C-alpha cells in the first residue's frame, strides 16, 4: 500500500495538469487568434490610407506590406527583414525566374514599408504586458581629490631639522683609500703595557755576511 501512494499522487498531478491545460490552452489560442485578426484589420486599414501612392505596385508588394505591419506589432523588437520569403512563394515555380525574383524583391520592399508604418502608429506598446521594475539605487558621489588652497601652503623644512646626510658606501671607500694608514695605539692611549718586540737573530749567509 505504501508503494502505491507515490504512484497515486503522481497520477493525481498529471490529471490536475491535464484538466488545467484543457481549459487554459483553448483560451490562450482564442486570445491570440483575436489579436491576430485585429492586427490584420489594422494593417488593411493602413494599406488603404497609402495605396494611392503606389497605383502600379505588384500584388506581392501589398502582401509584403500587410505581413510587415502585422509582424512588427505582434513580435516587436528591431525592424528586420525576414531571411527568406514565405513558403507560398518558394513553392511556386514562377518565382524561380528573373521576373519571379523581381516580384520577391517587391515583397521585401512592401514588408519594410509595412514595418515603418507600424512603428509610426505607436500601437506596439499596447500589445505588451507592463512590468514594474524597482528603481535603481542612487549612485555614490564621484571621488575627487581635494585641491590644496593658497592659504594652506606650508614652508619647506629648514636644514636644521633635517638629519645629517650619511656618506654613501662608494664615498666611504674612496675616503678610506685616500687617508693614510692609522698607527697602532700607544701605551698612554690604551693604559696597558705593550708587548716588546722579540729580537730576531740573523743567520750568517754562506759568504760570511749576516
C-alpha atoms as a PDB file:
ATOM      1  CA  UNK A   1       0.000   0.000   0.000  1.00  0.00           C
ATOM      2  CA  UNK A   2       2.859   2.383   0.796  1.00  0.00           C
ATOM      3  CA  UNK A   3       4.337   1.743  -2.631  1.00  0.00           C
ATOM      4  CA  UNK A   4       1.076   2.699  -4.334  1.00  0.00           C
ATOM      5  CA  UNK A   5       0.764   6.077  -2.624  1.00  0.00           C
ATOM      6  CA  UNK A   6       3.541   7.802  -4.654  1.00  0.00           C
ATOM      7  CA  UNK A   7       2.074   6.385  -7.850  1.00  0.00           C
ATOM      8  CA  UNK A   8      -1.396   7.624  -6.982  1.00  0.00           C
ATOM      9  CA  UNK A   9      -0.032  11.068  -6.058  1.00  0.00           C
ATOM     10  CA  UNK A  10       1.798  11.291  -9.386  1.00  0.00           C
ATOM     11  CA  UNK A  11      -1.331  10.298 -11.241  1.00  0.00           C
ATOM     12  CA  UNK A  12      -3.336  13.000  -9.471  1.00  0.00           C
ATOM     13  CA  UNK A  13      -0.805  15.649 -10.514  1.00  0.00           C
ATOM     14  CA  UNK A  14      -0.948  14.540 -14.131  1.00  0.00           C
ATOM     15  CA  UNK A  15      -4.733  14.594 -14.096  1.00  0.00           C
ATOM     16  CA  UNK A  16      -4.752  18.045 -12.490  1.00  0.00           C
ATOM     17  CA  UNK A  17      -2.353  19.471 -15.099  1.00  0.00           C
ATOM     18  CA  UNK A  18      -4.297  17.850 -17.930  1.00  0.00           C
ATOM     19  CA  UNK A  19      -7.572  19.425 -16.766  1.00  0.00           C
ATOM     20  CA  UNK A  20      -5.842  22.777 -16.310  1.00  0.00           C
ATOM     21  CA  UNK A  21      -4.333  22.686 -19.805  1.00  0.00           C
ATOM     22  CA  UNK A  22      -7.664  21.614 -21.262  1.00  0.00           C
ATOM     23  CA  UNK A  23      -9.231  24.847 -20.006  1.00  0.00           C
ATOM     24  CA  UNK A  24      -6.205  27.135 -20.363  1.00  0.00           C
ATOM     25  CA  UNK A  25      -4.849  26.332 -23.824  1.00  0.00           C
ATOM     26  CA  UNK A  26      -8.097  26.955 -25.761  1.00  0.00           C
ATOM     27  CA  UNK A  27      -8.473  30.330 -24.071  1.00  0.00           C
ATOM     28  CA  UNK A  28      -4.882  31.234 -24.882  1.00  0.00           C
ATOM     29  CA  UNK A  29      -5.234  30.203 -28.512  1.00  0.00           C
ATOM     30  CA  UNK A  30      -8.522  32.076 -28.775  1.00  0.00           C
ATOM     31  CA  UNK A  31      -6.946  35.241 -27.392  1.00  0.00           C
ATOM     32  CA  UNK A  32      -4.045  35.002 -29.833  1.00  0.00           C
ATOM     33  CA  UNK A  33      -6.412  34.458 -32.759  1.00  0.00           C
ATOM     34  CA  UNK A  34      -8.472  37.524 -31.818  1.00  0.00           C
ATOM     35  CA  UNK A  35      -5.333  39.678 -31.544  1.00  0.00           C
ATOM     36  CA  UNK A  36      -4.059  38.447 -34.923  1.00  0.00           C
ATOM     37  CA  UNK A  37      -7.381  39.232 -36.608  1.00  0.00           C
ATOM     38  CA  UNK A  38      -7.353  42.695 -35.070  1.00  0.00           C
ATOM     39  CA  UNK A  39      -3.806  43.365 -36.293  1.00  0.00           C
ATOM     40  CA  UNK A  40      -4.635  42.204 -39.797  1.00  0.00           C
ATOM     41  CA  UNK A  41      -7.606  44.570 -39.848  1.00  0.00           C
ATOM     42  CA  UNK A  42      -5.359  47.451 -38.773  1.00  0.00           C
ATOM     43  CA  UNK A  43      -2.865  46.511 -41.498  1.00  0.00           C
ATOM     44  CA  UNK A  44      -5.580  46.589 -44.185  1.00  0.00           C
ATOM     45  CA  UNK A  45      -6.746  49.990 -42.993  1.00  0.00           C
ATOM     46  CA  UNK A  46      -3.176  51.294 -43.063  1.00  0.00           C
ATOM     47  CA  UNK A  47      -2.765  49.984 -46.613  1.00  0.00           C
ATOM     48  CA  UNK A  48      -5.926  51.717 -47.756  1.00  0.00           C
ATOM     49  CA  UNK A  49      -4.555  55.020 -46.491  1.00  0.00           C
ATOM     50  CA  UNK A  50      -1.379  54.817 -48.615  1.00  0.00           C
ATOM     51  CA  UNK A  51      -2.236  52.618 -51.602  1.00  0.00           C
ATOM     52  CA  UNK A  52      -2.910  55.697 -53.688  1.00  0.00           C
ATOM     53  CA  UNK A  53       0.842  56.384 -53.617  1.00  0.00           C
ATOM     54  CA  UNK A  54       1.557  53.010 -55.283  1.00  0.00           C
ATOM     55  CA  UNK A  55      -1.039  52.603 -58.047  1.00  0.00           C
ATOM     56  CA  UNK A  56       1.039  50.218 -60.176  1.00  0.00           C
ATOM     57  CA  UNK A  57       2.558  48.063 -57.424  1.00  0.00           C
ATOM     58  CA  UNK A  58       2.645  44.288 -57.704  1.00  0.00           C
ATOM     59  CA  UNK A  59       0.389  42.092 -55.560  1.00  0.00           C
ATOM     60  CA  UNK A  60       3.495  40.888 -53.743  1.00  0.00           C
ATOM     61  CA  UNK A  61       4.171  44.459 -52.604  1.00  0.00           C
ATOM     62  CA  UNK A  62       0.748  44.670 -50.952  1.00  0.00           C
ATOM     63  CA  UNK A  63       1.137  41.264 -49.284  1.00  0.00           C
ATOM     64  CA  UNK A  64       4.576  42.230 -48.010  1.00  0.00           C
ATOM     65  CA  UNK A  65       3.137  45.434 -46.548  1.00  0.00           C
ATOM     66  CA  UNK A  66       0.431  43.544 -44.655  1.00  0.00           C
ATOM     67  CA  UNK A  67       2.877  40.935 -43.360  1.00  0.00           C
ATOM     68  CA  UNK A  68       5.415  43.540 -42.243  1.00  0.00           C
ATOM     69  CA  UNK A  69       2.766  45.609 -40.447  1.00  0.00           C
ATOM     70  CA  UNK A  70       1.405  42.615 -38.529  1.00  0.00           C
ATOM     71  CA  UNK A  71       4.851  41.164 -37.855  1.00  0.00           C
ATOM     72  CA  UNK A  72       6.159  44.259 -36.089  1.00  0.00           C
ATOM     73  CA  UNK A  73       3.059  44.798 -33.949  1.00  0.00           C
ATOM     74  CA  UNK A  74       2.959  41.121 -32.994  1.00  0.00           C
ATOM     75  CA  UNK A  75       6.663  40.446 -32.408  1.00  0.00           C
ATOM     76  CA  UNK A  76       8.211  43.858 -31.772  1.00  0.00           C
ATOM     77  CA  UNK A  77      11.945  44.171 -31.480  1.00  0.00           C
ATOM     78  CA  UNK A  78      14.183  45.668 -34.158  1.00  0.00           C
ATOM     79  CA  UNK A  79      12.566  46.011 -37.567  1.00  0.00           C
ATOM     80  CA  UNK A  80      14.494  43.414 -39.584  1.00  0.00           C
ATOM     81  CA  UNK A  81      13.510  41.887 -42.885  1.00  0.00           C
ATOM     82  CA  UNK A  82      12.922  38.118 -42.947  1.00  0.00           C
ATOM     83  CA  UNK A  83      15.764  35.995 -44.251  1.00  0.00           C
ATOM     84  CA  UNK A  84      13.529  34.194 -46.771  1.00  0.00           C
ATOM     85  CA  UNK A  85      10.079  34.951 -48.172  1.00  0.00           C
ATOM     86  CA  UNK A  86       7.057  32.923 -47.022  1.00  0.00           C
ATOM     87  CA  UNK A  87       6.752  29.344 -48.215  1.00  0.00           C
ATOM     88  CA  UNK A  88       3.869  30.188 -50.562  1.00  0.00           C
ATOM     89  CA  UNK A  89       6.391  31.986 -52.786  1.00  0.00           C
ATOM     90  CA  UNK A  90       9.068  29.306 -52.671  1.00  0.00           C
ATOM     91  CA  UNK A  91       6.655  26.518 -53.688  1.00  0.00           C
ATOM     92  CA  UNK A  92       5.554  28.119 -56.965  1.00  0.00           C
ATOM     93  CA  UNK A  93       7.841  27.640 -59.984  1.00  0.00           C
ATOM     94  CA  UNK A  94       7.155  31.086 -61.417  1.00  0.00           C
ATOM     95  CA  UNK A  95       9.189  32.696 -58.648  1.00  0.00           C
ATOM     96  CA  UNK A  96      12.315  30.837 -59.793  1.00  0.00           C
ATOM     97  CA  UNK A  97      12.688  33.092 -62.817  1.00  0.00           C
ATOM     98  CA  UNK A  98      14.121  36.604 -63.294  1.00  0.00           C
ATOM     99  CA  UNK A  99      10.593  38.025 -63.205  1.00  0.00           C
ATOM    100  CA  UNK A 100       9.798  35.977 -60.097  1.00  0.00           C
ATOM    101  CA  UNK A 101      12.875  37.311 -58.298  1.00  0.00           C
ATOM    102  CA  UNK A 102      11.764  40.837 -59.149  1.00  0.00           C
ATOM    103  CA  UNK A 103       8.386  40.079 -57.582  1.00  0.00           C
ATOM    104  CA  UNK A 104      10.073  38.749 -54.449  1.00  0.00           C
ATOM    105  CA  UNK A 105      12.025  41.990 -54.288  1.00  0.00           C
ATOM    106  CA  UNK A 106       8.712  43.848 -54.328  1.00  0.00           C
ATOM    107  CA  UNK A 107       7.550  41.695 -51.425  1.00  0.00           C
ATOM    108  CA  UNK A 108      10.545  42.711 -49.295  1.00  0.00           C
ATOM    109  CA  UNK A 109      10.063  46.384 -50.166  1.00  0.00           C
ATOM    110  CA  UNK A 110       6.426  46.185 -49.085  1.00  0.00           C
ATOM    111  CA  UNK A 111       7.418  44.339 -45.909  1.00  0.00           C
ATOM    112  CA  UNK A 112       9.833  47.114 -44.991  1.00  0.00           C
ATOM    113  CA  UNK A 113       7.239  49.808 -45.651  1.00  0.00           C
ATOM    114  CA  UNK A 114       4.705  47.955 -43.509  1.00  0.00           C
ATOM    115  CA  UNK A 115       7.137  47.861 -40.600  1.00  0.00           C
ATOM    116  CA  UNK A 116       7.747  51.585 -40.903  1.00  0.00           C
ATOM    117  CA  UNK A 117       4.025  52.323 -40.859  1.00  0.00           C
ATOM    118  CA  UNK A 118       3.533  50.068 -37.824  1.00  0.00           C
ATOM    119  CA  UNK A 119       6.317  51.861 -35.950  1.00  0.00           C
ATOM    120  CA  UNK A 120       4.801  55.233 -36.773  1.00  0.00           C
ATOM    121  CA  UNK A 121       1.387  54.116 -35.480  1.00  0.00           C
ATOM    122  CA  UNK A 122       2.713  53.670 -31.912  1.00  0.00           C
ATOM    123  CA  UNK A 123       0.406  50.692 -31.259  1.00  0.00           C
ATOM    124  CA  UNK A 124       3.137  48.279 -30.252  1.00  0.00           C
ATOM    125  CA  UNK A 125       3.263  49.469 -26.618  1.00  0.00           C
ATOM    126  CA  UNK A 126      -0.391  48.475 -26.117  1.00  0.00           C
ATOM    127  CA  UNK A 127       0.371  44.879 -27.135  1.00  0.00           C
ATOM    128  CA  UNK A 128       2.858  44.269 -24.323  1.00  0.00           C
ATOM    129  CA  UNK A 129       2.383  43.452 -20.647  1.00  0.00           C
ATOM    130  CA  UNK A 130       3.567  46.287 -18.374  1.00  0.00           C
ATOM    131  CA  UNK A 131       6.214  45.196 -15.883  1.00  0.00           C
ATOM    132  CA  UNK A 132       7.042  47.203 -12.771  1.00  0.00           C
ATOM    133  CA  UNK A 133      10.771  47.273 -12.074  1.00  0.00           C
ATOM    134  CA  UNK A 134      12.362  48.616  -8.883  1.00  0.00           C
ATOM    135  CA  UNK A 135      14.090  51.934  -9.262  1.00  0.00           C
ATOM    136  CA  UNK A 136      17.885  51.663  -9.252  1.00  0.00           C
ATOM    137  CA  UNK A 137      19.685  52.815  -6.093  1.00  0.00           C
ATOM    138  CA  UNK A 138      21.279  56.257  -6.201  1.00  0.00           C
ATOM    139  CA  UNK A 139      24.841  56.318  -7.379  1.00  0.00           C
ATOM    140  CA  UNK A 140      27.546  57.353  -4.898  1.00  0.00           C
ATOM    141  CA  UNK A 141      29.114  60.769  -5.423  1.00  0.00           C
ATOM    142  CA  UNK A 142      32.204  60.762  -7.628  1.00  0.00           C
ATOM    143  CA  UNK A 143      35.537  60.558  -5.829  1.00  0.00           C
ATOM    144  CA  UNK A 144      37.603  63.695  -6.150  1.00  0.00           C
ATOM    145  CA  UNK A 145      40.938  64.690  -4.631  1.00  0.00           C
ATOM    146  CA  UNK A 146      40.844  67.875  -2.544  1.00  0.00           C
ATOM    147  CA  UNK A 147      42.950  70.631  -4.068  1.00  0.00           C
ATOM    148  CA  UNK A 148      45.207  72.461  -1.533  1.00  0.00           C
ATOM    149  CA  UNK A 149      44.267  76.094  -1.059  1.00  0.00           C
ATOM    150  CA  UNK A 150      46.705  79.000  -1.272  1.00  0.00           C
ATOM    151  CA  UNK A 151      46.430  79.751   2.478  1.00  0.00           C
ATOM    152  CA  UNK A 152      47.377  76.207   3.464  1.00  0.00           C
ATOM    153  CA  UNK A 153      50.794  76.246   1.819  1.00  0.00           C
ATOM    154  CA  UNK A 154      53.391  75.261   4.441  1.00  0.00           C
ATOM    155  CA  UNK A 155      57.025  76.457   4.183  1.00  0.00           C
ATOM    156  CA  UNK A 156      59.640  73.854   3.315  1.00  0.00           C
ATOM    157  CA  UNK A 157      61.531  72.347   6.287  1.00  0.00           C
ATOM    158  CA  UNK A 158      64.779  74.077   7.325  1.00  0.00           C
ATOM    159  CA  UNK A 159      68.160  72.423   7.118  1.00  0.00           C
ATOM    160  CA  UNK A 160      68.431  72.340  10.939  1.00  0.00           C
ATOM    161  CA  UNK A 161      65.517  69.963  11.249  1.00  0.00           C
ATOM    162  CA  UNK A 162      66.869  67.577   8.635  1.00  0.00           C
ATOM    163  CA  UNK A 163      69.103  64.659   9.732  1.00  0.00           C
ATOM    164  CA  UNK A 164      72.751  64.821   8.658  1.00  0.00           C
ATOM    165  CA  UNK A 165      73.497  63.183   5.392  1.00  0.00           C
ATOM    166  CA  UNK A 166      75.304  59.865   5.631  1.00  0.00           C
ATOM    167  CA  UNK A 167      78.088  59.246   3.134  1.00  0.00           C
ATOM    168  CA  UNK A 168      77.362  56.566   0.672  1.00  0.00           C
ATOM    169  CA  UNK A 169      79.315  53.342   0.510  1.00  0.00           C
ATOM    170  CA  UNK A 170      81.221  54.479  -2.571  1.00  0.00           C
ATOM    171  CA  UNK A 171      82.243  57.771  -0.941  1.00  0.00           C
ATOM    172  CA  UNK A 172      83.333  55.996   2.266  1.00  0.00           C
ATOM    173  CA  UNK A 173      85.502  53.531   0.378  1.00  0.00           C
ATOM    174  CA  UNK A 174      87.133  56.362  -1.612  1.00  0.00           C
ATOM    175  CA  UNK A 175      87.904  58.317   1.590  1.00  0.00           C
ATOM    176  CA  UNK A 176      89.468  55.264   3.201  1.00  0.00           C
ATOM    177  CA  UNK A 177      91.753  54.787   0.212  1.00  0.00           C
ATOM    178  CA  UNK A 178      92.926  58.439   0.259  1.00  0.00           C
ATOM    179  CA  UNK A 179      93.581  58.670   4.048  1.00  0.00           C
ATOM    180  CA  UNK A 180      96.988  57.448   5.408  1.00  0.00           C
ATOM    181  CA  UNK A 181      97.118  54.195   7.369  1.00  0.00           C
ATOM    182  CA  UNK A 182      96.472  54.606  11.092  1.00  0.00           C
ATOM    183  CA  UNK A 183      99.224  53.853  13.609  1.00  0.00           C
ATOM    184  CA  UNK A 184      98.738  51.344  16.422  1.00  0.00           C
ATOM    185  CA  UNK A 185      97.679  52.883  19.739  1.00  0.00           C
ATOM    186  CA  UNK A 186     100.402  53.830  22.238  1.00  0.00           C
ATOM    187  CA  UNK A 187     100.700  52.760  25.869  1.00  0.00           C
ATOM    188  CA  UNK A 188      99.339  56.063  27.139  1.00  0.00           C
ATOM    189  CA  UNK A 189      96.232  55.668  24.952  1.00  0.00           C
ATOM    190  CA  UNK A 190      95.429  52.101  25.926  1.00  0.00           C
ATOM    191  CA  UNK A 191      96.710  52.050  29.576  1.00  0.00           C
ATOM    192  CA  UNK A 192      98.113  48.543  29.124  1.00  0.00           C
ATOM    193  CA  UNK A 193     101.769  47.596  28.652  1.00  0.00           C
ATOM    194  CA  UNK A 194     102.511  46.786  25.060  1.00  0.00           C
ATOM    195  CA  UNK A 195     104.498  43.623  24.270  1.00  0.00           C
ATOM    196  CA  UNK A 196     108.111  44.230  23.490  1.00  0.00           C
ATOM    197  CA  UNK A 197     109.375  43.202  20.119  1.00  0.00           C
ATOM    198  CA  UNK A 198     111.222  39.907  20.123  1.00  0.00           C
ATOM    199  CA  UNK A 199     114.777  40.182  18.788  1.00  0.00           C
ATOM    200  CA  UNK A 200     115.418  38.161  15.678  1.00  0.00           C
ATOM    201  CA  UNK A 201     118.813  36.526  15.267  1.00  0.00           C
ATOM    202  CA  UNK A 202     120.132  36.831  11.768  1.00  0.00           C
ATOM    203  CA  UNK A 203     121.792  33.701  10.483  1.00  0.00           C
ATOM    204  CA  UNK A 204     125.085  34.139   8.624  1.00  0.00           C
ATOM    205  CA  UNK A 205     124.983  33.578   4.899  1.00  0.00           C
ATOM    206  CA  UNK A 206     127.322  31.187   3.181  1.00  0.00           C
ATOM    207  CA  UNK A 207     129.551  34.113   2.115  1.00  0.00           C
ATOM    208  CA  UNK A 208     130.147  35.158   5.701  1.00  0.00           C
ATOM    209  CA  UNK A 209     127.772  38.115   5.662  1.00  0.00           C
ATOM    210  CA  UNK A 210     124.954  38.331   8.119  1.00  0.00           C
END
